Amino acid sequence: MKRRLKRLGRWLVEVARCEIKVFVDTAPVMEKPLAQAAGLGWQGKHTNLLGRDLGNWVFLGAIFTTLDLEPDTPEVSHCGTCTACLDICPTNAFPAPYQLDARRCISYLTIEHKGPVDTELRACIGNRIYGCDDCLAVCPWNKFAVAARDVGYQPKLGLPELAELASLDDSAFRERFAGSPIKRIGRDRFVRNVLYAIGNSGLPALRPVAAGLVDDPDPAVADAARWAMARLT
C-alpha cells in the first residue's frame, strides 16, 4: 500500500508540473483524427467519428498536455460495404466515401453559411432549420450505443410552430435561445432557415407569414421570404 501511495504521489507531482490545455470546439483542433489515433473510434464514410460501442452520436473534446502518456492503439474503419450515410444525404454532399463537400451539407448551410443559400439546394433542406444529421441517424452502429442519461443532453425546445419562429425579432430570438447553441447563428440566419422551411411546407396558410418579411432589413431574410411566397402560390 505504501509503495502504491508513493507511486501515486510521484505521478500527481508530475501531473502538477505538466502543461494542460482543454479544447471543446473552441480552437481549430482536429478532434476526429486525434480520437481515431486514441482508439475511440474511426472516421466513417460520412467523415464523422463513430465507434463500436459509441455509435456516432458523440461530442468530442481534447486535452493537450506535456505529460508523457502511453499511447493507445489507433482504431481502424469497420464501415465495410455499408453506404447508408451516403445514400440518405438530401443534397448529395458526399462526392465519394470519406469525402464531404461542405458547400452542399445542410448542417453547414443552416449553421455556418451566411447569406442566401443556392436556390437549387433550398428545396432539399426541407423543414430543417438548424443542422441535419441524417447521415448520423441512419448509421447501423448506433444500435450498440447507450442513450445519454445526463439532463444536459435531453431535448428542451419541443416542436415550435414555423409561424411563431418566423416572427422573432433579435431580442426575442436571444431570449428564446439563451443557453442554446442555436443562439450562435443569430436571428437573421435563423429566420432565413425558417423561411426555407415555410417554402417547403406546402402550406398556403403560411404565405402571409412569408409576405410579412419580404421587406426585412436583412437581404437574405427578404430573399428567403420572396422565395417562400413563390413556392406557396
C-alpha atoms as a PDB file:
ATOM      1  CA  MET A   1       0.000   0.000   0.000  1.00  0.00           C
ATOM      2  CA  LYS A   2       2.811   2.400   0.895  1.00  0.00           C
ATOM      3  CA  ARG A   3       4.507   1.740  -2.447  1.00  0.00           C
ATOM      4  CA  ARG A   4       1.276   2.422  -4.325  1.00  0.00           C
ATOM      5  CA  LEU A   5       0.728   5.658  -2.439  1.00  0.00           C
ATOM      6  CA  LYS A   6       4.306   6.674  -3.120  1.00  0.00           C
ATOM      7  CA  ARG A   7       3.935   5.998  -6.856  1.00  0.00           C
ATOM      8  CA  LEU A   8       0.618   7.884  -6.873  1.00  0.00           C
ATOM      9  CA  GLY A   9       2.287  10.799  -5.109  1.00  0.00           C
ATOM     10  CA  ARG A  10       5.086  10.946  -7.693  1.00  0.00           C
ATOM     11  CA  TRP A  11       2.522  10.788 -10.525  1.00  0.00           C
ATOM     12  CA  LEU A  12       0.476  13.635  -9.019  1.00  0.00           C
ATOM     13  CA  VAL A  13       3.619  15.754  -8.723  1.00  0.00           C
ATOM     14  CA  GLU A  14       4.415  15.046 -12.367  1.00  0.00           C
ATOM     15  CA  VAL A  15       0.876  15.999 -13.415  1.00  0.00           C
ATOM     16  CA  ALA A  16       1.079  19.214 -11.407  1.00  0.00           C
ATOM     17  CA  ARG A  17       4.252  20.195 -13.260  1.00  0.00           C
ATOM     18  CA  CYS A  18       2.957  19.497 -16.763  1.00  0.00           C
ATOM     19  CA  GLU A  19       1.093  21.922 -19.005  1.00  0.00           C
ATOM     20  CA  ILE A  20      -2.538  21.239 -19.849  1.00  0.00           C
ATOM     21  CA  LYS A  21      -4.911  22.889 -22.315  1.00  0.00           C
ATOM     22  CA  VAL A  22      -8.501  21.786 -22.889  1.00  0.00           C
ATOM     23  CA  PHE A  23     -10.469  22.349 -26.100  1.00  0.00           C
ATOM     24  CA  VAL A  24     -14.155  21.647 -26.702  1.00  0.00           C
ATOM     25  CA  ASP A  25     -14.988  23.178 -30.080  1.00  0.00           C
ATOM     26  CA  THR A  26     -13.049  26.270 -29.029  1.00  0.00           C
ATOM     27  CA  ALA A  27      -9.988  26.067 -31.311  1.00  0.00           C
ATOM     28  CA  PRO A  28      -9.024  24.689 -34.737  1.00  0.00           C
ATOM     29  CA  VAL A  29      -8.201  21.250 -33.318  1.00  0.00           C
ATOM     30  CA  MET A  30      -8.611  18.141 -35.494  1.00  0.00           C
ATOM     31  CA  GLU A  31     -10.596  16.176 -32.906  1.00  0.00           C
ATOM     32  CA  LYS A  32     -11.738  13.364 -35.219  1.00  0.00           C
ATOM     33  CA  PRO A  33      -8.332  12.075 -36.400  1.00  0.00           C
ATOM     34  CA  LEU A  34      -6.996  12.553 -32.863  1.00  0.00           C
ATOM     35  CA  ALA A  35      -9.879  10.492 -31.471  1.00  0.00           C
ATOM     36  CA  GLN A  36      -9.182   7.753 -34.015  1.00  0.00           C
ATOM     37  CA  ALA A  37      -5.496   7.787 -33.080  1.00  0.00           C
ATOM     38  CA  ALA A  38      -6.571   7.433 -29.437  1.00  0.00           C
ATOM     39  CA  GLY A  39      -8.624   4.338 -30.265  1.00  0.00           C
ATOM     40  CA  LEU A  40     -12.027   5.883 -29.514  1.00  0.00           C
ATOM     41  CA  GLY A  41     -13.445   5.093 -32.941  1.00  0.00           C
ATOM     42  CA  TRP A  42     -12.883   5.754 -36.626  1.00  0.00           C
ATOM     43  CA  GLN A  43     -13.917   8.346 -39.177  1.00  0.00           C
ATOM     44  CA  GLY A  44     -16.788   6.792 -41.071  1.00  0.00           C
ATOM     45  CA  LYS A  45     -17.733   7.292 -44.695  1.00  0.00           C
ATOM     46  CA  HIS A  46     -19.746  10.318 -43.555  1.00  0.00           C
ATOM     47  CA  THR A  47     -16.426  11.777 -42.212  1.00  0.00           C
ATOM     48  CA  ASN A  48     -17.671  11.806 -38.601  1.00  0.00           C
ATOM     49  CA  LEU A  49     -16.268   9.744 -35.764  1.00  0.00           C
ATOM     50  CA  LEU A  50     -18.087   6.558 -34.804  1.00  0.00           C
ATOM     51  CA  GLY A  51     -17.286   3.624 -32.572  1.00  0.00           C
ATOM     52  CA  ARG A  52     -18.464   0.087 -31.981  1.00  0.00           C
ATOM     53  CA  ASP A  53     -19.877   0.916 -28.551  1.00  0.00           C
ATOM     54  CA  LEU A  54     -20.480   4.655 -29.028  1.00  0.00           C
ATOM     55  CA  GLY A  55     -22.188   4.865 -32.390  1.00  0.00           C
ATOM     56  CA  ASN A  56     -21.718   8.353 -33.823  1.00  0.00           C
ATOM     57  CA  TRP A  57     -23.883  10.494 -31.540  1.00  0.00           C
ATOM     58  CA  VAL A  58     -20.904  11.756 -29.534  1.00  0.00           C
ATOM     59  CA  PHE A  59     -19.310  15.037 -28.515  1.00  0.00           C
ATOM     60  CA  LEU A  60     -15.531  15.300 -28.755  1.00  0.00           C
ATOM     61  CA  GLY A  61     -13.138  17.277 -26.599  1.00  0.00           C
ATOM     62  CA  ALA A  62      -9.345  17.305 -26.485  1.00  0.00           C
ATOM     63  CA  ILE A  63      -6.814  17.640 -23.680  1.00  0.00           C
ATOM     64  CA  PHE A  64      -3.344  18.723 -24.756  1.00  0.00           C
ATOM     65  CA  THR A  65      -0.612  18.049 -22.220  1.00  0.00           C
ATOM     66  CA  THR A  66       3.153  17.790 -21.902  1.00  0.00           C
ATOM     67  CA  LEU A  67       2.671  14.751 -19.643  1.00  0.00           C
ATOM     68  CA  ASP A  68       4.311  11.627 -21.079  1.00  0.00           C
ATOM     69  CA  LEU A  69       1.466   9.126 -21.594  1.00  0.00           C
ATOM     70  CA  GLU A  70       1.477   5.658 -23.099  1.00  0.00           C
ATOM     71  CA  PRO A  71      -0.316   5.848 -26.459  1.00  0.00           C
ATOM     72  CA  ASP A  72      -3.385   3.749 -27.214  1.00  0.00           C
ATOM     73  CA  THR A  73      -3.820   1.562 -30.282  1.00  0.00           C
ATOM     74  CA  PRO A  74      -5.408   3.518 -33.170  1.00  0.00           C
ATOM     75  CA  GLU A  75      -8.791   2.270 -34.395  1.00  0.00           C
ATOM     76  CA  VAL A  76      -9.422   1.170 -37.990  1.00  0.00           C
ATOM     77  CA  SER A  77     -12.549   1.509 -40.108  1.00  0.00           C
ATOM     78  CA  HIS A  78     -15.354  -1.002 -39.695  1.00  0.00           C
ATOM     79  CA  CYS A  79     -17.775   0.538 -42.203  1.00  0.00           C
ATOM     80  CA  GLY A  80     -17.359  -2.368 -44.632  1.00  0.00           C
ATOM     81  CA  THR A  81     -19.563  -2.097 -47.714  1.00  0.00           C
ATOM     82  CA  CYS A  82     -22.273  -0.039 -45.979  1.00  0.00           C
ATOM     83  CA  THR A  83     -23.235   3.206 -47.742  1.00  0.00           C
ATOM     84  CA  ALA A  84     -26.348   4.122 -45.742  1.00  0.00           C
ATOM     85  CA  CYS A  85     -24.956   7.507 -44.679  1.00  0.00           C
ATOM     86  CA  LEU A  86     -24.006   8.421 -48.242  1.00  0.00           C
ATOM     87  CA  ASP A  87     -27.296   7.313 -49.772  1.00  0.00           C
ATOM     88  CA  ILE A  88     -29.551   9.235 -47.376  1.00  0.00           C
ATOM     89  CA  CYS A  89     -27.943  12.672 -47.781  1.00  0.00           C
ATOM     90  CA  PRO A  90     -30.675  15.048 -49.093  1.00  0.00           C
ATOM     91  CA  THR A  91     -28.210  17.226 -51.021  1.00  0.00           C
ATOM     92  CA  ASN A  92     -25.741  14.580 -52.243  1.00  0.00           C
ATOM     93  CA  ALA A  93     -22.977  16.238 -50.241  1.00  0.00           C
ATOM     94  CA  PHE A  94     -20.673  13.199 -50.409  1.00  0.00           C
ATOM     95  CA  PRO A  95     -18.759  13.087 -53.718  1.00  0.00           C
ATOM     96  CA  ALA A  96     -17.138   9.851 -52.519  1.00  0.00           C
ATOM     97  CA  PRO A  97     -16.879   7.783 -49.325  1.00  0.00           C
ATOM     98  CA  TYR A  98     -14.931   9.626 -46.621  1.00  0.00           C
ATOM     99  CA  GLN A  99     -15.282  12.907 -48.533  1.00  0.00           C
ATOM    100  CA  LEU A 100     -17.711  15.731 -47.735  1.00  0.00           C
ATOM    101  CA  ASP A 101     -18.498  18.773 -49.877  1.00  0.00           C
ATOM    102  CA  ALA A 102     -19.394  21.249 -47.119  1.00  0.00           C
ATOM    103  CA  ARG A 103     -20.912  23.616 -49.684  1.00  0.00           C
ATOM    104  CA  ARG A 104     -23.801  21.135 -50.048  1.00  0.00           C
ATOM    105  CA  CYS A 105     -24.046  19.965 -46.421  1.00  0.00           C
ATOM    106  CA  ILE A 106     -27.271  21.110 -44.735  1.00  0.00           C
ATOM    107  CA  SER A 107     -25.574  21.400 -41.355  1.00  0.00           C
ATOM    108  CA  TYR A 108     -23.075  23.822 -42.877  1.00  0.00           C
ATOM    109  CA  LEU A 109     -25.687  25.703 -44.881  1.00  0.00           C
ATOM    110  CA  THR A 110     -28.057  26.260 -41.951  1.00  0.00           C
ATOM    111  CA  ILE A 111     -25.451  26.978 -39.272  1.00  0.00           C
ATOM    112  CA  GLU A 112     -22.230  28.338 -40.788  1.00  0.00           C
ATOM    113  CA  HIS A 113     -23.195  29.733 -44.187  1.00  0.00           C
ATOM    114  CA  LYS A 114     -24.029  33.436 -44.323  1.00  0.00           C
ATOM    115  CA  GLY A 115     -26.266  34.991 -46.933  1.00  0.00           C
ATOM    116  CA  PRO A 116     -28.713  33.253 -49.288  1.00  0.00           C
ATOM    117  CA  VAL A 117     -28.440  29.514 -49.913  1.00  0.00           C
ATOM    118  CA  ASP A 118     -28.201  28.429 -53.559  1.00  0.00           C
ATOM    119  CA  THR A 119     -31.706  28.083 -54.966  1.00  0.00           C
ATOM    120  CA  GLU A 120     -31.011  24.555 -56.235  1.00  0.00           C
ATOM    121  CA  LEU A 121     -30.432  23.379 -52.651  1.00  0.00           C
ATOM    122  CA  ARG A 122     -33.289  25.145 -50.843  1.00  0.00           C
ATOM    123  CA  ALA A 123     -35.931  22.526 -51.607  1.00  0.00           C
ATOM    124  CA  CYS A 124     -33.529  19.803 -50.407  1.00  0.00           C
ATOM    125  CA  ILE A 125     -33.275  21.462 -46.998  1.00  0.00           C
ATOM    126  CA  GLY A 126     -36.901  20.551 -46.311  1.00  0.00           C
ATOM    127  CA  ASN A 127     -38.000  21.546 -42.801  1.00  0.00           C
ATOM    128  CA  ARG A 128     -34.500  21.552 -41.278  1.00  0.00           C
ATOM    129  CA  ILE A 129     -33.798  24.896 -39.636  1.00  0.00           C
ATOM    130  CA  TYR A 130     -30.689  24.068 -37.616  1.00  0.00           C
ATOM    131  CA  GLY A 131     -28.468  21.267 -38.823  1.00  0.00           C
ATOM    132  CA  CYS A 132     -29.414  17.937 -40.370  1.00  0.00           C
ATOM    133  CA  ASP A 133     -27.584  14.796 -39.105  1.00  0.00           C
ATOM    134  CA  ASP A 134     -29.449  12.360 -41.371  1.00  0.00           C
ATOM    135  CA  CYS A 135     -26.134  10.659 -42.113  1.00  0.00           C
ATOM    136  CA  LEU A 136     -25.581  10.145 -38.375  1.00  0.00           C
ATOM    137  CA  ALA A 137     -29.089   8.926 -37.623  1.00  0.00           C
ATOM    138  CA  VAL A 138     -29.008   6.160 -40.231  1.00  0.00           C
ATOM    139  CA  CYS A 139     -25.676   4.623 -39.145  1.00  0.00           C
ATOM    140  CA  PRO A 140     -26.254   0.986 -38.083  1.00  0.00           C
ATOM    141  CA  TRP A 141     -23.531   1.191 -35.422  1.00  0.00           C
ATOM    142  CA  ASN A 142     -25.879   3.341 -33.315  1.00  0.00           C
ATOM    143  CA  LYS A 143     -27.799   0.220 -32.267  1.00  0.00           C
ATOM    144  CA  PHE A 144     -24.960  -0.650 -29.902  1.00  0.00           C
ATOM    145  CA  ALA A 145     -24.839   2.789 -28.248  1.00  0.00           C
ATOM    146  CA  VAL A 146     -26.426   3.650 -24.899  1.00  0.00           C
ATOM    147  CA  ALA A 147     -28.607   6.755 -24.668  1.00  0.00           C
ATOM    148  CA  ALA A 148     -27.158   9.591 -22.596  1.00  0.00           C
ATOM    149  CA  ARG A 149     -28.731   9.988 -19.162  1.00  0.00           C
ATOM    150  CA  ASP A 150     -27.318  13.415 -18.325  1.00  0.00           C
ATOM    151  CA  VAL A 151     -30.072  16.043 -18.264  1.00  0.00           C
ATOM    152  CA  GLY A 152     -27.916  18.370 -20.351  1.00  0.00           C
ATOM    153  CA  TYR A 153     -28.406  16.129 -23.385  1.00  0.00           C
ATOM    154  CA  GLN A 154     -32.199  15.968 -23.169  1.00  0.00           C
ATOM    155  CA  PRO A 155     -34.421  17.889 -25.660  1.00  0.00           C
ATOM    156  CA  LYS A 156     -35.555  21.277 -24.397  1.00  0.00           C
ATOM    157  CA  LEU A 157     -37.285  23.125 -27.224  1.00  0.00           C
ATOM    158  CA  GLY A 158     -40.066  20.820 -28.347  1.00  0.00           C
ATOM    159  CA  LEU A 159     -41.616  21.395 -31.790  1.00  0.00           C
ATOM    160  CA  PRO A 160     -42.465  25.110 -32.154  1.00  0.00           C
ATOM    161  CA  GLU A 161     -44.632  26.406 -34.975  1.00  0.00           C
ATOM    162  CA  LEU A 162     -42.863  27.860 -38.013  1.00  0.00           C
ATOM    163  CA  ALA A 163     -45.046  30.974 -37.944  1.00  0.00           C
ATOM    164  CA  GLU A 164     -44.001  31.643 -34.366  1.00  0.00           C
ATOM    165  CA  LEU A 165     -40.301  31.240 -35.146  1.00  0.00           C
ATOM    166  CA  ALA A 166     -40.509  33.474 -38.222  1.00  0.00           C
ATOM    167  CA  SER A 167     -41.916  36.309 -36.106  1.00  0.00           C
ATOM    168  CA  LEU A 168     -38.905  36.510 -33.777  1.00  0.00           C
ATOM    169  CA  ASP A 169     -37.025  39.790 -33.717  1.00  0.00           C
ATOM    170  CA  ASP A 170     -33.459  39.967 -32.431  1.00  0.00           C
ATOM    171  CA  SER A 171     -34.314  40.431 -28.756  1.00  0.00           C
ATOM    172  CA  ALA A 172     -36.992  37.734 -28.782  1.00  0.00           C
ATOM    173  CA  PHE A 173     -34.609  35.356 -30.559  1.00  0.00           C
ATOM    174  CA  ARG A 174     -31.893  35.946 -27.961  1.00  0.00           C
ATOM    175  CA  GLU A 175     -34.314  35.444 -25.100  1.00  0.00           C
ATOM    176  CA  ARG A 176     -35.813  32.259 -26.545  1.00  0.00           C
ATOM    177  CA  PHE A 177     -32.495  30.576 -27.298  1.00  0.00           C
ATOM    178  CA  ALA A 178     -30.428  31.790 -24.373  1.00  0.00           C
ATOM    179  CA  GLY A 179     -28.182  28.957 -23.241  1.00  0.00           C
ATOM    180  CA  SER A 180     -28.678  27.092 -26.522  1.00  0.00           C
ATOM    181  CA  PRO A 181     -26.102  26.698 -29.337  1.00  0.00           C
ATOM    182  CA  ILE A 182     -28.817  27.943 -31.705  1.00  0.00           C
ATOM    183  CA  LYS A 183     -28.214  31.449 -30.373  1.00  0.00           C
ATOM    184  CA  ARG A 184     -24.793  31.452 -32.024  1.00  0.00           C
ATOM    185  CA  ILE A 185     -26.150  31.789 -35.577  1.00  0.00           C
ATOM    186  CA  GLY A 186     -28.149  34.937 -34.799  1.00  0.00           C
ATOM    187  CA  ARG A 187     -31.696  35.920 -35.604  1.00  0.00           C
ATOM    188  CA  ASP A 188     -31.229  36.712 -39.307  1.00  0.00           C
ATOM    189  CA  ARG A 189     -29.691  33.378 -40.291  1.00  0.00           C
ATOM    190  CA  PHE A 190     -32.217  31.520 -38.169  1.00  0.00           C
ATOM    191  CA  VAL A 191     -35.263  33.258 -39.676  1.00  0.00           C
ATOM    192  CA  ARG A 192     -33.794  32.727 -43.153  1.00  0.00           C
ATOM    193  CA  ASN A 193     -33.778  28.992 -42.410  1.00  0.00           C
ATOM    194  CA  VAL A 194     -37.329  29.123 -41.054  1.00  0.00           C
ATOM    195  CA  LEU A 195     -38.492  30.756 -44.275  1.00  0.00           C
ATOM    196  CA  TYR A 196     -36.912  27.985 -46.340  1.00  0.00           C
ATOM    197  CA  ALA A 197     -38.857  25.510 -44.201  1.00  0.00           C
ATOM    198  CA  ILE A 198     -42.035  27.535 -44.757  1.00  0.00           C
ATOM    199  CA  GLY A 199     -41.427  27.488 -48.508  1.00  0.00           C
ATOM    200  CA  ASN A 200     -41.028  23.717 -48.357  1.00  0.00           C
ATOM    201  CA  SER A 201     -44.037  23.165 -46.120  1.00  0.00           C
ATOM    202  CA  GLY A 202     -46.675  23.041 -48.859  1.00  0.00           C
ATOM    203  CA  LEU A 203     -48.977  25.046 -46.563  1.00  0.00           C
ATOM    204  CA  PRO A 204     -50.524  28.085 -48.314  1.00  0.00           C
ATOM    205  CA  ALA A 205     -51.723  29.298 -44.910  1.00  0.00           C
ATOM    206  CA  LEU A 206     -48.100  30.237 -44.140  1.00  0.00           C
ATOM    207  CA  ARG A 207     -47.801  32.513 -47.183  1.00  0.00           C
ATOM    208  CA  PRO A 208     -48.850  35.637 -45.213  1.00  0.00           C
ATOM    209  CA  VAL A 209     -46.059  34.873 -42.721  1.00  0.00           C
ATOM    210  CA  ALA A 210     -43.508  34.982 -45.550  1.00  0.00           C
ATOM    211  CA  ALA A 211     -45.166  38.071 -47.035  1.00  0.00           C
ATOM    212  CA  GLY A 212     -44.585  39.923 -43.777  1.00  0.00           C
ATOM    213  CA  LEU A 213     -40.824  39.512 -44.158  1.00  0.00           C
ATOM    214  CA  VAL A 214     -40.239  40.489 -47.794  1.00  0.00           C
ATOM    215  CA  ASP A 215     -39.044  43.918 -46.648  1.00  0.00           C
ATOM    216  CA  ASP A 216     -36.877  42.613 -43.806  1.00  0.00           C
ATOM    217  CA  PRO A 217     -33.691  44.668 -43.292  1.00  0.00           C
ATOM    218  CA  ASP A 218     -31.564  41.552 -43.778  1.00  0.00           C
ATOM    219  CA  PRO A 219     -31.209  40.813 -47.521  1.00  0.00           C
ATOM    220  CA  ALA A 220     -31.008  37.043 -47.029  1.00  0.00           C
ATOM    221  CA  VAL A 221     -34.209  37.029 -44.968  1.00  0.00           C
ATOM    222  CA  ALA A 222     -36.046  39.156 -47.528  1.00  0.00           C
ATOM    223  CA  ASP A 223     -34.823  36.908 -50.361  1.00  0.00           C
ATOM    224  CA  ALA A 224     -35.937  33.787 -48.479  1.00  0.00           C
ATOM    225  CA  ALA A 225     -39.349  35.361 -47.867  1.00  0.00           C
ATOM    226  CA  ARG A 226     -39.866  36.062 -51.560  1.00  0.00           C
ATOM    227  CA  TRP A 227     -38.762  32.516 -52.410  1.00  0.00           C
ATOM    228  CA  ALA A 228     -41.169  31.035 -49.869  1.00  0.00           C
ATOM    229  CA  MET A 229     -44.058  33.116 -51.228  1.00  0.00           C
ATOM    230  CA  ALA A 230     -43.367  31.924 -54.749  1.00  0.00           C
ATOM    231  CA  ARG A 231     -43.323  28.313 -53.567  1.00  0.00           C
ATOM    232  CA  LEU A 232     -46.689  28.646 -51.821  1.00  0.00           C
ATOM    233  CA  THR A 233     -48.679  30.229 -54.634  1.00  0.00           C
END
